[in-house]
Amino acid sequence: MKHHLIFEGAELSGKSWIMSQIYNYLEPKYNEGGKTLDGCLWFNADNGIFGTKYGQKILPSFLEMFKNLRDKNIIVEKFHLADKIYNKLHNDTKLDYSEIDSELLKEGFKIILITFPEDVELLKKRIEDRLNLYPHYKRILQAPEWYIKQQREYLLELKKSKLPHLIVQTEQLPDQKKIDEILNWIGE
């Protein structure tokens, strides 16, 4: 069975690190020859698209790519829930992605929602870490309370999705127990 996973969650939740660990497990296990990294395909579907006029145009294209790659392991960093939430919070716009949600379900996708404790001090530390790694993040930096609000929106939107899901809370990273929890949930 191939794994089709969408990692969603508020900024600063730890999605990228967790995804890197899941990728590091799946890619070598399912690699088909060692000449390319074809054991697991990693898509960062956002890259400044979600919350803009392009999100609704681009998501169907990604979905079509995923259908063409259905026999491969696929992990996606943010997708339709992210676009809904970014549009709601940044543009006060409500989007309906129920059709995309249904198509993802047909393709066997699951959502892993990465969350953090609602702790302002923890978020301040994560903001500091983020700015040290990516100084350009300062241009879109928000107050810790904004990330908590974003996370609450993810939890609300997840309830509306038809996709199977797992919620994983990251208190401190790295945390191998969280990786093991995800691998167990996907049957690895």
N, C-alpha and C. Protein backbone atom coordinates (compact mmCIF):
# COMPACT_ATOMS: atom_id res chain seq x y z
N MET A 1 0.84 -1.19 0.00
CA MET A 1 0.00 0.00 0.00
C MET A 1 0.88 1.24 0.00
N LYS A 2 0.58 2.18 -0.85
CA LYS A 2 1.30 3.44 -0.90
C LYS A 2 0.66 4.43 0.07
N HIS A 3 1.46 5.32 0.58
CA HIS A 3 1.00 6.32 1.54
C HIS A 3 0.83 7.65 0.84
N HIS A 4 -0.34 8.24 1.05
CA HIS A 4 -0.65 9.57 0.53
C HIS A 4 -1.04 10.43 1.73
N LEU A 5 -0.13 11.29 2.15
CA LEU A 5 -0.28 12.02 3.41
C LEU A 5 -0.19 13.51 3.19
N ILE A 6 -1.12 14.23 3.79
CA ILE A 6 -1.09 15.69 3.80
C ILE A 6 -0.80 16.12 5.23
N PHE A 7 0.27 16.87 5.40
CA PHE A 7 0.62 17.41 6.71
C PHE A 7 0.11 18.84 6.77
N GLU A 8 -0.82 19.08 7.66
CA GLU A 8 -1.40 20.40 7.84
C GLU A 8 -1.07 20.88 9.24
N GLY A 9 -1.27 22.15 9.46
CA GLY A 9 -1.06 22.71 10.79
C GLY A 9 -0.63 24.15 10.70
N ALA A 10 -0.83 24.85 11.79
CA ALA A 10 -0.46 26.26 11.86
C ALA A 10 1.05 26.40 11.68
N GLU A 11 1.44 27.58 11.26
CA GLU A 11 2.86 27.88 11.21
C GLU A 11 3.44 27.68 12.61
N LEU A 12 4.68 27.26 12.66
CA LEU A 12 5.44 27.03 13.90
C LEU A 12 5.05 25.73 14.61
N SER A 13 4.24 24.89 13.98
CA SER A 13 3.81 23.66 14.65
C SER A 13 4.86 22.55 14.57
N GLY A 14 5.78 22.63 13.62
CA GLY A 14 6.80 21.60 13.49
C GLY A 14 6.58 20.66 12.32
N LYS A 15 5.72 21.07 11.38
CA LYS A 15 5.40 20.21 10.22
C LYS A 15 6.63 19.80 9.44
N SER A 16 7.48 20.75 9.13
CA SER A 16 8.63 20.45 8.27
C SER A 16 9.56 19.42 8.90
N TRP A 17 9.83 19.58 10.17
CA TRP A 17 10.72 18.61 10.83
C TRP A 17 10.08 17.22 10.85
N ILE A 18 8.82 17.16 11.23
CA ILE A 18 8.13 15.86 11.29
C ILE A 18 8.09 15.23 9.90
N MET A 19 7.77 16.03 8.90
CA MET A 19 7.75 15.50 7.52
C MET A 19 9.11 14.96 7.12
N SER A 20 10.16 15.65 7.50
CA SER A 20 11.51 15.19 7.13
C SER A 20 11.79 13.82 7.72
N GLN A 21 11.29 13.57 8.91
CA GLN A 21 11.52 12.27 9.55
C GLN A 21 10.68 11.17 8.89
N ILE A 22 9.45 11.48 8.53
CA ILE A 22 8.61 10.51 7.83
C ILE A 22 9.20 10.23 6.45
N TYR A 23 9.65 11.25 5.78
CA TYR A 23 10.31 11.08 4.48
C TYR A 23 11.55 10.20 4.62
N ASN A 24 12.36 10.48 5.64
CA ASN A 24 13.59 9.70 5.85
C ASN A 24 13.31 8.24 6.12
N TYR A 25 12.12 7.93 6.59
CA TYR A 25 11.72 6.54 6.79
C TYR A 25 11.20 5.93 5.48
N LEU A 26 10.26 6.63 4.84
CA LEU A 26 9.59 6.06 3.66
C LEU A 26 10.48 5.99 2.43
N GLU A 27 11.27 7.03 2.19
CA GLU A 27 12.02 7.09 0.93
C GLU A 27 12.97 5.90 0.76
N PRO A 28 13.84 5.60 1.72
CA PRO A 28 14.74 4.46 1.50
C PRO A 28 14.02 3.12 1.49
N LYS A 29 12.96 3.01 2.27
CA LYS A 29 12.23 1.74 2.33
C LYS A 29 11.58 1.41 0.99
N TYR A 30 11.06 2.42 0.30
CA TYR A 30 10.31 2.18 -0.94
C TYR A 30 11.09 2.60 -2.20
N ASN A 31 12.36 2.94 -2.05
CA ASN A 31 13.17 3.34 -3.19
C ASN A 31 13.28 2.18 -4.17
N GLU A 32 13.19 2.49 -5.46
CA GLU A 32 13.11 1.45 -6.48
C GLU A 32 14.39 1.23 -7.28
N GLY A 33 15.51 1.64 -6.77
CA GLY A 33 16.72 1.36 -7.54
C GLY A 33 17.94 2.12 -7.10
N GLY A 34 17.77 3.09 -6.25
CA GLY A 34 18.90 3.79 -5.70
C GLY A 34 19.50 4.88 -6.56
N LYS A 35 18.99 5.08 -7.76
CA LYS A 35 19.57 6.12 -8.63
C LYS A 35 18.85 7.46 -8.51
N THR A 36 17.62 7.44 -8.05
CA THR A 36 16.87 8.66 -7.78
C THR A 36 16.16 8.50 -6.45
N LEU A 37 15.72 9.60 -5.88
CA LEU A 37 14.97 9.56 -4.63
C LEU A 37 13.49 9.38 -4.97
N ASP A 38 13.13 8.16 -5.37
CA ASP A 38 11.77 7.90 -5.85
C ASP A 38 10.91 7.10 -4.88
N GLY A 39 11.41 6.88 -3.68
CA GLY A 39 10.64 6.08 -2.72
C GLY A 39 9.52 6.85 -2.04
N CYS A 40 9.62 8.17 -2.05
CA CYS A 40 8.60 9.04 -1.47
C CYS A 40 8.76 10.42 -2.10
N LEU A 41 7.66 10.96 -2.60
CA LEU A 41 7.69 12.27 -3.25
C LEU A 41 7.14 13.31 -2.28
N TRP A 42 7.92 14.37 -2.08
CA TRP A 42 7.58 15.41 -1.10
C TRP A 42 7.19 16.67 -1.85
N PHE A 43 5.96 17.13 -1.64
CA PHE A 43 5.46 18.36 -2.26
C PHE A 43 5.24 19.41 -1.18
N ASN A 44 5.89 20.54 -1.33
CA ASN A 44 5.56 21.70 -0.52
C ASN A 44 4.63 22.52 -1.39
N ALA A 45 3.35 22.34 -1.20
CA ALA A 45 2.36 22.90 -2.12
C ALA A 45 2.10 24.39 -1.88
N ASP A 46 2.60 24.96 -0.81
CA ASP A 46 2.28 26.35 -0.49
C ASP A 46 3.20 27.32 -1.23
N ASN A 47 4.37 27.55 -0.73
CA ASN A 47 5.32 28.47 -1.36
C ASN A 47 4.70 29.79 -1.79
N GLY A 48 3.93 30.40 -0.93
CA GLY A 48 3.36 31.71 -1.23
C GLY A 48 2.10 31.68 -2.08
N ILE A 49 1.51 30.52 -2.27
CA ILE A 49 0.32 30.40 -3.11
C ILE A 49 -0.96 30.49 -2.28
N PHE A 50 -0.98 29.84 -1.14
CA PHE A 50 -2.21 29.79 -0.36
C PHE A 50 -2.53 31.15 0.25
N GLY A 51 -3.79 31.48 0.20
CA GLY A 51 -4.24 32.78 0.67
C GLY A 51 -4.14 33.85 -0.40
N THR A 52 -3.79 33.42 -1.60
CA THR A 52 -3.72 34.37 -2.74
C THR A 52 -4.74 33.94 -3.79
N LYS A 53 -4.83 34.73 -4.84
CA LYS A 53 -5.76 34.40 -5.92
C LYS A 53 -5.37 33.12 -6.66
N TYR A 54 -4.16 32.63 -6.44
CA TYR A 54 -3.68 31.46 -7.18
C TYR A 54 -4.05 30.12 -6.52
N GLY A 55 -4.35 30.12 -5.23
CA GLY A 55 -4.62 28.87 -4.53
C GLY A 55 -5.70 28.03 -5.20
N GLN A 56 -6.84 28.65 -5.49
CA GLN A 56 -7.95 27.92 -6.10
C GLN A 56 -7.60 27.42 -7.50
N LYS A 57 -6.73 28.12 -8.20
CA LYS A 57 -6.33 27.71 -9.55
C LYS A 57 -5.30 26.58 -9.51
N ILE A 58 -4.44 26.58 -8.52
CA ILE A 58 -3.32 25.64 -8.47
C ILE A 58 -3.70 24.30 -7.84
N LEU A 59 -4.56 24.31 -6.85
CA LEU A 59 -4.90 23.05 -6.16
C LEU A 59 -5.37 21.94 -7.11
N PRO A 60 -6.26 22.21 -8.06
CA PRO A 60 -6.65 21.14 -8.99
C PRO A 60 -5.48 20.59 -9.80
N SER A 61 -4.50 21.45 -10.12
CA SER A 61 -3.33 20.98 -10.86
C SER A 61 -2.50 20.02 -10.01
N PHE A 62 -2.32 20.38 -8.74
CA PHE A 62 -1.62 19.46 -7.84
C PHE A 62 -2.38 18.14 -7.73
N LEU A 63 -3.70 18.23 -7.59
CA LEU A 63 -4.52 17.02 -7.48
C LEU A 63 -4.34 16.13 -8.70
N GLU A 64 -4.27 16.73 -9.86
CA GLU A 64 -4.06 15.95 -11.09
C GLU A 64 -2.69 15.28 -11.08
N MET A 65 -1.68 15.99 -10.60
CA MET A 65 -0.34 15.37 -10.47
C MET A 65 -0.40 14.19 -9.51
N PHE A 66 -1.08 14.37 -8.39
CA PHE A 66 -1.17 13.29 -7.42
C PHE A 66 -1.84 12.06 -8.03
N LYS A 67 -2.87 12.27 -8.83
CA LYS A 67 -3.55 11.15 -9.49
C LYS A 67 -2.59 10.42 -10.43
N ASN A 68 -1.77 11.17 -11.13
CA ASN A 68 -0.79 10.55 -12.03
C ASN A 68 0.30 9.81 -11.28
N LEU A 69 0.49 10.14 -10.02
CA LEU A 69 1.53 9.52 -9.20
C LEU A 69 0.94 8.60 -8.13
N ARG A 70 -0.28 8.14 -8.33
CA ARG A 70 -0.99 7.40 -7.28
C ARG A 70 -0.28 6.13 -6.82
N ASP A 71 0.64 5.61 -7.64
CA ASP A 71 1.35 4.39 -7.23
C ASP A 71 2.63 4.72 -6.45
N LYS A 72 2.83 5.98 -6.11
CA LYS A 72 4.01 6.40 -5.35
C LYS A 72 3.58 6.87 -3.96
N ASN A 73 4.51 6.82 -3.02
CA ASN A 73 4.29 7.47 -1.73
C ASN A 73 4.37 8.97 -1.95
N ILE A 74 3.41 9.68 -1.39
CA ILE A 74 3.34 11.14 -1.56
C ILE A 74 3.13 11.76 -0.19
N ILE A 75 3.96 12.75 0.14
CA ILE A 75 3.71 13.56 1.32
C ILE A 75 3.60 15.01 0.85
N VAL A 76 2.63 15.72 1.40
CA VAL A 76 2.32 17.08 0.98
C VAL A 76 2.34 17.99 2.20
N GLU A 77 3.10 19.07 2.09
CA GLU A 77 3.14 20.04 3.17
C GLU A 77 2.14 21.15 2.88
N LYS A 78 1.03 21.11 3.56
CA LYS A 78 -0.10 22.03 3.43
C LYS A 78 -0.82 21.82 2.10
N PHE A 79 -2.16 21.89 2.17
CA PHE A 79 -2.93 21.76 0.94
C PHE A 79 -4.24 22.54 1.07
N HIS A 80 -5.36 21.88 0.83
CA HIS A 80 -6.64 22.60 0.74
C HIS A 80 -7.07 23.26 2.04
N LEU A 81 -6.82 22.61 3.18
CA LEU A 81 -7.19 23.24 4.45
C LEU A 81 -6.39 24.52 4.65
N ALA A 82 -5.11 24.49 4.28
CA ALA A 82 -4.28 25.68 4.43
C ALA A 82 -4.83 26.84 3.60
N ASP A 83 -5.22 26.56 2.36
CA ASP A 83 -5.75 27.65 1.53
C ASP A 83 -7.04 28.21 2.11
N LYS A 84 -7.90 27.34 2.62
CA LYS A 84 -9.14 27.82 3.25
C LYS A 84 -8.83 28.74 4.42
N ILE A 85 -7.90 28.31 5.25
CA ILE A 85 -7.60 29.06 6.48
C ILE A 85 -6.87 30.36 6.17
N TYR A 86 -5.90 30.31 5.28
CA TYR A 86 -5.20 31.54 4.92
C TYR A 86 -6.17 32.54 4.30
N ASN A 87 -7.08 32.09 3.46
CA ASN A 87 -8.05 33.00 2.86
C ASN A 87 -9.00 33.57 3.91
N LYS A 88 -9.40 32.74 4.84
CA LYS A 88 -10.29 33.23 5.89
C LYS A 88 -9.60 34.26 6.77
N LEU A 89 -8.38 33.95 7.21
CA LEU A 89 -7.69 34.84 8.15
C LEU A 89 -7.11 36.08 7.49
N HIS A 90 -6.61 35.96 6.28
CA HIS A 90 -5.97 37.09 5.63
C HIS A 90 -6.91 37.91 4.75
N ASN A 91 -7.90 37.25 4.17
CA ASN A 91 -8.75 37.93 3.19
C ASN A 91 -10.23 37.96 3.56
N ASP A 92 -10.58 37.39 4.71
CA ASP A 92 -11.98 37.28 5.13
C ASP A 92 -12.83 36.67 4.02
N THR A 93 -12.27 35.62 3.37
CA THR A 93 -12.93 34.93 2.26
C THR A 93 -13.16 33.48 2.65
N LYS A 94 -14.36 33.00 2.39
CA LYS A 94 -14.68 31.59 2.67
C LYS A 94 -14.64 30.80 1.37
N LEU A 95 -13.91 29.70 1.39
CA LEU A 95 -13.80 28.83 0.22
C LEU A 95 -14.42 27.48 0.52
N ASP A 96 -14.91 26.84 -0.50
CA ASP A 96 -15.48 25.49 -0.37
C ASP A 96 -14.61 24.52 -1.16
N TYR A 97 -13.92 23.67 -0.45
CA TYR A 97 -13.08 22.66 -1.08
C TYR A 97 -13.63 21.25 -0.84
N SER A 98 -14.94 21.14 -0.69
CA SER A 98 -15.52 19.82 -0.44
C SER A 98 -15.29 18.87 -1.61
N GLU A 99 -15.27 19.40 -2.84
CA GLU A 99 -15.03 18.55 -4.00
C GLU A 99 -13.58 18.04 -4.01
N ILE A 100 -12.65 18.92 -3.70
CA ILE A 100 -11.23 18.50 -3.64
C ILE A 100 -11.07 17.49 -2.51
N ASP A 101 -11.72 17.74 -1.38
CA ASP A 101 -11.66 16.81 -0.26
C ASP A 101 -12.15 15.43 -0.69
N SER A 102 -13.24 15.37 -1.44
CA SER A 102 -13.77 14.09 -1.92
C SER A 102 -12.80 13.40 -2.88
N GLU A 103 -12.17 14.18 -3.76
CA GLU A 103 -11.19 13.62 -4.70
C GLU A 103 -9.98 13.07 -3.95
N LEU A 104 -9.53 13.80 -2.95
CA LEU A 104 -8.40 13.32 -2.14
C LEU A 104 -8.76 12.02 -1.43
N LEU A 105 -9.99 11.93 -0.95
CA LEU A 105 -10.45 10.71 -0.29
C LEU A 105 -10.40 9.52 -1.27
N LYS A 106 -10.86 9.73 -2.49
CA LYS A 106 -10.81 8.67 -3.51
C LYS A 106 -9.39 8.21 -3.78
N GLU A 107 -8.44 9.12 -3.66
CA GLU A 107 -7.03 8.81 -3.91
C GLU A 107 -6.32 8.25 -2.67
N GLY A 108 -7.06 8.09 -1.59
CA GLY A 108 -6.50 7.47 -0.40
C GLY A 108 -5.67 8.39 0.48
N PHE A 109 -5.89 9.69 0.38
CA PHE A 109 -5.12 10.63 1.21
C PHE A 109 -5.62 10.63 2.64
N LYS A 110 -4.70 10.91 3.54
CA LYS A 110 -4.96 11.08 4.96
C LYS A 110 -4.33 12.40 5.38
N ILE A 111 -4.89 12.99 6.42
CA ILE A 111 -4.34 14.23 6.96
C ILE A 111 -3.68 13.95 8.30
N ILE A 112 -2.50 14.50 8.45
CA ILE A 112 -1.83 14.51 9.75
C ILE A 112 -1.75 15.98 10.16
N LEU A 113 -2.51 16.33 11.19
CA LEU A 113 -2.53 17.71 11.67
C LEU A 113 -1.51 17.83 12.79
N ILE A 114 -0.51 18.67 12.58
CA ILE A 114 0.51 18.90 13.59
C ILE A 114 0.08 20.14 14.38
N THR A 115 0.05 20.00 15.70
CA THR A 115 -0.39 21.07 16.57
C THR A 115 0.68 21.36 17.62
N PHE A 116 0.50 22.46 18.33
CA PHE A 116 1.38 22.82 19.44
C PHE A 116 0.52 23.15 20.65
N PRO A 117 1.07 23.06 21.86
CA PRO A 117 0.31 23.52 23.02
C PRO A 117 0.07 25.02 22.90
N GLU A 118 -1.06 25.48 23.35
CA GLU A 118 -1.38 26.91 23.27
C GLU A 118 -0.62 27.66 24.36
N ASP A 119 0.66 27.79 24.16
CA ASP A 119 1.59 28.37 25.14
C ASP A 119 2.36 29.50 24.45
N VAL A 120 2.08 30.72 24.84
CA VAL A 120 2.69 31.89 24.21
C VAL A 120 4.21 31.86 24.33
N GLU A 121 4.74 31.44 25.47
CA GLU A 121 6.20 31.39 25.65
C GLU A 121 6.84 30.37 24.71
N LEU A 122 6.19 29.23 24.53
CA LEU A 122 6.69 28.22 23.58
C LEU A 122 6.72 28.81 22.17
N LEU A 123 5.68 29.52 21.80
CA LEU A 123 5.62 30.12 20.47
C LEU A 123 6.66 31.22 20.29
N LYS A 124 6.94 31.98 21.33
CA LYS A 124 7.99 32.99 21.24
C LYS A 124 9.33 32.32 20.96
N LYS A 125 9.59 31.21 21.60
CA LYS A 125 10.84 30.47 21.35
C LYS A 125 10.87 29.94 19.91
N ARG A 126 9.76 29.41 19.43
CA ARG A 126 9.71 28.91 18.06
C ARG A 126 9.86 30.04 17.04
N ILE A 127 9.32 31.20 17.36
CA ILE A 127 9.50 32.36 16.49
C ILE A 127 10.98 32.72 16.42
N GLU A 128 11.63 32.75 17.56
CA GLU A 128 13.07 33.05 17.60
C GLU A 128 13.86 32.04 16.76
N ASP A 129 13.55 30.77 16.93
CA ASP A 129 14.23 29.73 16.14
C ASP A 129 13.97 29.92 14.64
N ARG A 130 12.73 30.22 14.28
CA ARG A 130 12.37 30.42 12.87
C ARG A 130 13.15 31.60 12.28
N LEU A 131 13.21 32.70 13.01
CA LEU A 131 13.91 33.88 12.51
C LEU A 131 15.41 33.63 12.37
N ASN A 132 15.97 32.81 13.25
CA ASN A 132 17.39 32.47 13.13
C ASN A 132 17.67 31.65 11.88
N LEU A 133 16.74 30.76 11.54
CA LEU A 133 16.90 29.93 10.35
C LEU A 133 16.52 30.66 9.07
N TYR A 134 15.44 31.44 9.15
CA TYR A 134 14.88 32.10 7.97
C TYR A 134 14.61 33.56 8.28
N PRO A 135 15.63 34.43 8.21
CA PRO A 135 15.42 35.85 8.54
C PRO A 135 14.31 36.52 7.74
N HIS A 136 14.06 36.06 6.51
CA HIS A 136 13.00 36.66 5.69
C HIS A 136 11.61 36.45 6.29
N TYR A 137 11.47 35.49 7.23
CA TYR A 137 10.17 35.23 7.84
C TYR A 137 9.66 36.46 8.61
N LYS A 138 10.58 37.35 8.97
CA LYS A 138 10.19 38.55 9.71
C LYS A 138 9.14 39.37 8.97
N ARG A 139 9.16 39.29 7.63
CA ARG A 139 8.21 40.07 6.82
C ARG A 139 6.76 39.64 7.04
N ILE A 140 6.54 38.41 7.44
CA ILE A 140 5.16 37.92 7.64
C ILE A 140 4.91 37.50 9.09
N LEU A 141 5.83 37.83 9.96
CA LEU A 141 5.75 37.44 11.37
C LEU A 141 4.47 37.98 12.02
N GLN A 142 3.86 37.13 12.84
CA GLN A 142 2.67 37.51 13.59
C GLN A 142 2.94 37.35 15.08
N ALA A 143 2.04 37.85 15.89
CA ALA A 143 2.11 37.67 17.35
C ALA A 143 1.75 36.21 17.67
N PRO A 144 2.27 35.68 18.78
CA PRO A 144 1.97 34.29 19.14
C PRO A 144 0.46 33.97 19.16
N GLU A 145 -0.34 34.91 19.58
CA GLU A 145 -1.78 34.69 19.65
C GLU A 145 -2.38 34.43 18.27
N TRP A 146 -1.79 35.03 17.24
CA TRP A 146 -2.27 34.81 15.88
C TRP A 146 -2.09 33.35 15.47
N TYR A 147 -0.96 32.74 15.84
CA TYR A 147 -0.70 31.34 15.49
C TYR A 147 -1.67 30.42 16.24
N ILE A 148 -2.01 30.80 17.46
CA ILE A 148 -3.00 30.03 18.21
C ILE A 148 -4.35 30.11 17.50
N LYS A 149 -4.72 31.30 17.06
CA LYS A 149 -5.97 31.47 16.31
C LYS A 149 -5.95 30.62 15.04
N GLN A 150 -4.82 30.64 14.33
CA GLN A 150 -4.68 29.85 13.12
C GLN A 150 -4.87 28.36 13.43
N GLN A 151 -4.25 27.90 14.50
CA GLN A 151 -4.39 26.50 14.87
C GLN A 151 -5.85 26.13 15.19
N ARG A 152 -6.54 26.99 15.87
CA ARG A 152 -7.95 26.73 16.18
C ARG A 152 -8.77 26.61 14.90
N GLU A 153 -8.45 27.41 13.89
CA GLU A 153 -9.14 27.29 12.60
C GLU A 153 -8.86 25.94 11.95
N TYR A 154 -7.62 25.47 12.04
CA TYR A 154 -7.30 24.15 11.50
C TYR A 154 -8.13 23.06 12.18
N LEU A 155 -8.26 23.14 13.48
CA LEU A 155 -9.04 22.14 14.20
C LEU A 155 -10.50 22.16 13.77
N LEU A 156 -11.05 23.35 13.52
CA LEU A 156 -12.43 23.46 13.05
C LEU A 156 -12.58 22.89 11.64
N GLU A 157 -11.64 23.23 10.76
CA GLU A 157 -11.72 22.75 9.37
C GLU A 157 -11.50 21.24 9.27
N LEU A 158 -10.66 20.72 10.13
CA LEU A 158 -10.42 19.27 10.11
C LEU A 158 -11.70 18.49 10.37
N LYS A 159 -12.54 19.02 11.23
CA LYS A 159 -13.82 18.36 11.54
C LYS A 159 -14.73 18.27 10.32
N LYS A 160 -14.56 19.18 9.37
CA LYS A 160 -15.40 19.20 8.17
C LYS A 160 -14.88 18.27 7.07
N SER A 161 -13.64 17.86 7.18
CA SER A 161 -13.02 17.02 6.15
C SER A 161 -13.49 15.57 6.27
N LYS A 162 -13.60 14.92 5.12
CA LYS A 162 -13.96 13.50 5.07
C LYS A 162 -12.73 12.60 5.21
N LEU A 163 -11.55 13.19 5.12
CA LEU A 163 -10.33 12.39 5.11
C LEU A 163 -10.02 11.84 6.50
N PRO A 164 -9.51 10.60 6.56
CA PRO A 164 -9.03 10.10 7.84
C PRO A 164 -7.93 11.04 8.34
N HIS A 165 -7.86 11.20 9.65
CA HIS A 165 -6.87 12.13 10.17
C HIS A 165 -6.30 11.69 11.51
N LEU A 166 -5.14 12.23 11.78
CA LEU A 166 -4.45 12.03 13.05
C LEU A 166 -3.99 13.41 13.51
N ILE A 167 -4.20 13.70 14.79
CA ILE A 167 -3.71 14.95 15.37
C ILE A 167 -2.50 14.62 16.24
N VAL A 168 -1.40 15.28 15.96
CA VAL A 168 -0.16 15.06 16.70
C VAL A 168 0.28 16.39 17.29
N GLN A 169 0.46 16.43 18.60
CA GLN A 169 0.89 17.67 19.24
C GLN A 169 2.39 17.63 19.52
N THR A 170 3.07 18.69 19.14
CA THR A 170 4.51 18.78 19.34
C THR A 170 4.80 19.73 20.51
N GLU A 171 5.26 19.16 21.59
CA GLU A 171 5.67 20.01 22.72
C GLU A 171 7.10 20.46 22.51
N GLN A 172 7.97 19.49 22.19
CA GLN A 172 9.37 19.78 21.97
C GLN A 172 9.89 18.89 20.85
N LEU A 173 10.67 19.47 19.97
CA LEU A 173 11.25 18.70 18.87
C LEU A 173 12.76 18.72 19.02
N PRO A 174 13.44 17.66 18.64
CA PRO A 174 12.91 16.43 18.06
C PRO A 174 12.23 15.55 19.11
N ASP A 175 11.30 14.72 18.64
CA ASP A 175 10.55 13.81 19.50
C ASP A 175 10.24 12.54 18.71
N GLN A 176 11.05 11.52 18.90
CA GLN A 176 10.89 10.28 18.14
C GLN A 176 9.55 9.61 18.41
N LYS A 177 8.98 9.82 19.59
CA LYS A 177 7.68 9.21 19.90
C LYS A 177 6.60 9.69 18.94
N LYS A 178 6.66 10.96 18.55
CA LYS A 178 5.67 11.50 17.60
C LYS A 178 5.84 10.85 16.23
N ILE A 179 7.08 10.63 15.83
CA ILE A 179 7.34 9.98 14.55
C ILE A 179 6.82 8.55 14.59
N ASP A 180 7.11 7.86 15.67
CA ASP A 180 6.63 6.48 15.82
C ASP A 180 5.11 6.42 15.82
N GLU A 181 4.47 7.41 16.43
CA GLU A 181 3.00 7.48 16.46
C GLU A 181 2.44 7.58 15.04
N ILE A 182 3.04 8.43 14.23
CA ILE A 182 2.59 8.60 12.85
C ILE A 182 2.84 7.33 12.04
N LEU A 183 4.05 6.78 12.15
CA LEU A 183 4.37 5.57 11.40
C LEU A 183 3.44 4.42 11.78
N ASN A 184 3.13 4.30 13.04
CA ASN A 184 2.19 3.26 13.49
C ASN A 184 0.80 3.51 12.89
N TRP A 185 0.36 4.77 12.88
CA TRP A 185 -0.97 5.11 12.37
C TRP A 185 -1.09 4.79 10.88
N ILE A 186 -0.01 4.96 10.12
CA ILE A 186 -0.07 4.66 8.68
C ILE A 186 0.28 3.21 8.38
N GLY A 187 0.52 2.42 9.42
CA GLY A 187 0.77 0.99 9.22
C GLY A 187 2.20 0.62 8.90
N GLU A 188 3.13 1.44 9.32
CA GLU A 188 4.55 1.16 9.10
C GLU A 188 5.21 0.72 10.40
